Amino acid sequence: GGVGESYQKNPVCGDEITLRARVDGETIADVAWEGRGCSISQASASMLADLVAEEGLSRAEAVALIEVFREALRSRGQLELDEEIYGDAAALSGVSKFSARVKCAMLAWVALEDAIAKA
């Protein structure tokens, strides 16, 4: 285990996030983040942190979630996220229709992917 930290920036919108993930064995024990930017980037980070905290996800599960999330957000509205799995974050499916906003919603998820790779 260990702690991984990732700083990500979306220059288009000016969003910034620093996310720390504590990995205990193969389980993500804790996710903490701080950031600023548009409401979409902040809401997405908050939903992601809640999701990880509630589920006690393993590294592999988190990576799989991030991959499907990315696919849905790049689908231009073709792919809906499953509310059973994604909880509140499923609402972010709608962002995929606005390509300029996809990076905002993805920011925290990219940060988590990077942080767990480093942990």
Protein backbone atom coordinates (compact mmCIF):
# COMPACT_ATOMS: atom_id res chain seq x y z
CA GLY A 1 0.00 0.00 0.00
CA GLY A 2 0.87 3.64 0.16
CA VAL A 3 -0.34 7.06 -0.82
CA GLY A 4 -0.43 8.36 -4.37
CA GLU A 5 -0.99 11.98 -5.24
CA SER A 6 -1.98 13.44 -8.57
CA TYR A 7 -2.33 17.03 -9.74
CA GLN A 8 -4.42 17.57 -12.85
CA LYS A 9 -5.36 20.73 -14.68
CA ASN A 10 -7.87 21.48 -17.38
CA PRO A 11 -6.49 24.62 -19.07
CA VAL A 12 -9.61 25.09 -21.19
CA CYS A 13 -11.83 25.73 -18.19
CA GLY A 14 -9.21 26.54 -15.56
CA ASP A 15 -10.14 23.58 -13.37
CA GLU A 16 -7.47 22.24 -11.05
CA ILE A 17 -7.47 19.28 -8.73
CA THR A 18 -5.03 17.61 -6.38
CA LEU A 19 -6.19 14.17 -5.38
CA ARG A 20 -4.62 11.79 -2.89
CA ALA A 21 -5.50 8.12 -2.71
CA ARG A 22 -4.45 5.88 0.17
CA VAL A 23 -4.15 2.28 -0.92
CA ASP A 24 -4.16 -0.46 1.68
CA GLY A 25 -3.05 -3.70 0.04
CA GLU A 26 -5.30 -3.81 -3.01
CA THR A 27 -8.10 -1.73 -1.48
CA ILE A 28 -8.48 2.01 -1.85
CA ALA A 29 -8.82 3.04 1.78
CA ASP A 30 -9.31 6.76 1.32
CA VAL A 31 -9.57 9.48 -1.29
CA ALA A 32 -9.06 13.14 -0.44
CA TRP A 33 -9.09 15.97 -2.93
CA GLU A 34 -8.94 19.69 -3.17
CA GLY A 35 -9.59 21.72 -6.22
CA ARG A 36 -11.21 24.68 -7.80
CA GLY A 37 -12.94 25.28 -11.06
CA CYS A 38 -16.33 24.94 -12.62
CA SER A 39 -19.25 23.28 -10.87
CA ILE A 40 -19.03 20.20 -13.09
CA SER A 41 -15.42 19.44 -12.14
CA GLN A 42 -16.14 20.00 -8.44
CA ALA A 43 -19.33 17.94 -8.41
CA SER A 44 -17.65 15.13 -10.31
CA ALA A 45 -14.75 15.00 -7.83
CA SER A 46 -17.15 14.99 -4.90
CA MET A 47 -19.28 12.18 -6.39
CA LEU A 48 -16.18 10.15 -7.18
CA ALA A 49 -14.82 10.49 -3.64
CA ASP A 50 -18.20 9.44 -2.20
CA LEU A 51 -18.41 6.47 -4.55
CA VAL A 52 -14.94 5.19 -3.67
CA ALA A 53 -15.51 5.72 0.06
CA GLU A 54 -18.86 3.91 0.09
CA GLU A 55 -17.79 0.96 -2.00
CA GLY A 56 -14.32 0.30 -0.58
CA LEU A 57 -13.14 -0.43 -4.09
CA SER A 58 -10.09 -2.42 -5.02
CA ARG A 59 -7.51 -0.91 -7.34
CA ALA A 60 -8.73 -3.08 -10.23
CA GLU A 61 -12.39 -2.21 -9.63
CA ALA A 62 -11.61 1.50 -9.55
CA VAL A 63 -9.66 1.29 -12.81
CA ALA A 64 -12.58 -0.57 -14.44
CA LEU A 65 -15.03 2.08 -13.20
CA ILE A 66 -12.85 4.86 -14.57
CA GLU A 67 -12.59 3.16 -17.96
CA VAL A 68 -16.36 2.77 -18.32
CA PHE A 69 -16.88 6.35 -17.09
CA ARG A 70 -14.46 7.61 -19.74
CA GLU A 71 -16.20 5.57 -22.43
CA ALA A 72 -19.61 6.94 -21.42
CA LEU A 73 -18.37 10.51 -21.39
CA ARG A 74 -16.85 10.12 -24.83
CA SER A 75 -19.97 8.43 -26.21
CA ARG A 76 -21.77 11.70 -27.04
CA GLY A 77 -24.86 10.52 -25.20
CA GLN A 78 -24.88 6.98 -26.56
CA LEU A 79 -23.84 5.28 -23.35
CA GLU A 80 -25.62 5.81 -20.03
CA LEU A 81 -23.87 5.11 -16.74
CA ASP A 82 -25.60 2.58 -14.50
CA GLU A 83 -27.04 4.27 -11.42
CA GLU A 84 -26.72 1.03 -9.42
CA ILE A 85 -22.96 1.18 -9.91
CA TYR A 86 -22.22 4.89 -10.21
CA GLY A 87 -24.79 6.36 -7.82
CA ASP A 88 -25.07 10.14 -8.19
CA ALA A 89 -22.19 10.18 -10.67
CA ALA A 90 -24.47 8.45 -13.20
CA ALA A 91 -26.04 11.87 -13.74
CA LEU A 92 -22.77 12.93 -15.40
CA SER A 93 -23.68 10.78 -18.42
CA GLY A 94 -25.49 13.83 -19.77
CA VAL A 95 -22.23 15.78 -19.96
CA SER A 96 -21.16 13.58 -22.88
CA LYS A 97 -23.40 15.63 -25.17
CA PHE A 98 -21.23 18.69 -24.51
CA SER A 99 -17.73 17.86 -25.62
CA ALA A 100 -16.29 21.03 -24.07
CA ARG A 101 -17.46 19.79 -20.65
CA VAL A 102 -16.15 16.24 -20.85
CA LYS A 103 -12.68 17.23 -19.61
CA CYS A 104 -14.24 19.02 -16.62
CA ALA A 105 -16.15 15.92 -15.57
CA MET A 106 -13.18 13.61 -16.27
CA LEU A 107 -10.60 15.59 -14.30
CA ALA A 108 -11.01 13.91 -10.90
CA TRP A 109 -11.29 10.45 -12.49
CA VAL A 110 -8.03 10.93 -14.39
CA ALA A 111 -6.45 12.14 -11.14
CA LEU A 112 -7.63 9.03 -9.29
CA GLU A 113 -6.32 6.76 -12.05
CA ASP A 114 -2.93 8.47 -11.83
CA ALA A 115 -2.88 8.49 -8.00
CA ILE A 116 -3.59 4.77 -7.64
CA ALA A 117 -0.97 3.98 -10.24
CA LYS A 118 1.55 5.86 -8.09
CA ALA A 119 0.43 4.46 -4.72
